[in-house]
Protein backbone atom coordinates (compact mmCIF):
# COMPACT_ATOMS: atom_id res chain seq x y z
CA MET A 1 53.37 -22.12 -18.49
CA VAL A 2 50.94 -21.86 -14.72
CA SER A 3 52.79 -22.28 -11.40
CA GLN A 4 51.89 -25.24 -9.18
CA LYS A 5 51.43 -23.40 -6.46
CA LEU A 6 49.41 -25.20 -3.04
CA ARG A 7 46.99 -22.61 -2.62
CA ARG A 8 45.78 -22.16 2.02
CA PRO A 9 42.09 -22.08 2.29
CA LYS A 10 39.88 -18.64 2.10
CA GLN A 11 39.90 -17.53 5.16
CA ASP A 12 37.47 -14.75 6.83
CA LEU A 13 38.51 -11.98 9.23
CA SER A 14 38.37 -14.46 12.36
CA GLY A 15 41.33 -16.41 10.05
CA ARG A 16 39.09 -19.67 10.78
CA GLY A 17 39.19 -21.26 7.07
CA LEU A 18 35.57 -20.45 5.44
CA GLU A 19 34.63 -24.72 7.02
CA HIS A 20 34.35 -23.70 9.56
CA HIS A 21 31.63 -21.47 8.41
CA ASP A 22 30.19 -24.00 6.67
CA LEU A 23 30.04 -26.40 9.81
CA LEU A 24 28.34 -23.81 11.80
CA ALA A 25 25.28 -23.38 8.51
CA ALA A 26 24.83 -27.53 8.84
CA ARG A 27 24.91 -27.76 12.78
CA SER A 28 22.47 -24.28 12.83
CA CYS A 29 20.76 -26.46 10.30
CA ARG A 30 20.04 -30.29 12.04
CA ALA A 31 18.75 -28.40 15.23
CA GLN A 32 15.52 -26.46 13.28
CA GLY A 33 14.77 -29.89 11.86
CA GLY A 34 16.40 -29.62 8.84
CA LYS A 35 14.84 -26.07 7.41
CA ARG A 36 16.57 -23.05 7.19
CA ALA A 37 15.21 -20.41 9.38
CA ARG A 38 13.67 -17.72 7.39
CA PRO A 39 15.14 -14.73 7.55
CA HIS A 40 13.62 -12.09 9.78
CA SER A 41 12.55 -9.45 7.36
CA SER A 42 10.23 -12.44 6.15
CA ALA A 43 8.50 -11.79 9.94
CA HIS A 44 7.90 -8.04 9.13
CA PRO A 45 7.58 -7.97 5.74
CA LYS A 46 5.70 -3.97 5.93
CA SER A 47 8.69 -3.10 7.69
CA SER A 48 11.32 -4.64 4.78
CA TYR A 49 8.86 -2.84 2.53
CA GLU A 50 8.65 0.89 3.93
CA ARG A 51 12.44 0.31 4.02
CA TYR A 52 13.63 -0.65 1.14
CA LEU A 53 10.93 1.97 -0.50
CA ALA A 54 13.01 4.81 1.42
CA LEU A 55 16.26 3.27 -0.40
CA ALA A 56 13.76 3.23 -3.49
CA ARG A 57 13.39 7.32 -3.39
CA ALA A 58 17.00 7.83 -1.85
CA ALA A 59 19.24 6.18 -4.56
CA ALA A 60 15.83 8.30 -7.34
CA ALA A 61 16.87 11.61 -5.07
CA SER A 62 20.55 10.78 -5.86
CA GLY A 63 20.37 9.97 -9.75
CA ASP A 64 20.38 5.86 -9.80
CA ALA A 65 18.28 4.91 -11.70
CA VAL A 66 19.75 0.97 -11.76
CA GLU A 67 19.35 1.41 -7.36
CA TYR A 68 16.39 3.20 -7.82
CA GLU A 69 14.57 0.16 -9.30
CA ASN A 70 16.51 -2.72 -7.96
CA TYR A 71 14.51 -1.13 -5.00
CA LEU A 72 11.55 -0.90 -5.50
CA GLN A 73 11.33 -4.51 -6.90
CA HIS A 74 12.10 -5.41 -3.15
CA ALA A 75 10.07 -3.12 -1.67
CA ASP A 76 7.17 -5.25 -4.56
CA HIS A 77 8.15 -8.13 -3.28
CA TYR A 78 8.10 -7.68 0.48
CA TYR A 79 4.30 -5.73 -0.40
CA ARG A 80 3.08 -9.04 -2.11
CA LEU A 81 4.07 -10.67 1.07
CA SER A 82 2.52 -8.69 2.65
CA LYS A 83 -0.75 -9.02 1.19
CA ASP A 84 0.06 -12.40 1.11
CA LYS A 85 -0.08 -12.70 5.35
CA THR A 86 -2.82 -10.09 5.44
CA ALA A 87 -5.11 -12.49 3.30
């Protein structure tokens, strides 16, 4: 039989419950007119492309083929964003 223990809400490192972070995210979303802010990396896709390409090269040098492919896919994404931004 499974014990019926009461679960405490999960907490982050600050000791606050995770619900606190949900409230902060909702407040931030409302402050921006209901739209979520775009990540900073999408504002500068060329630098993100170069960063992920460097990470892919490092993964290839270490012999991790899965990580290499993952970083290449990220680099491709930011490459396409940079081309869309200049077009």
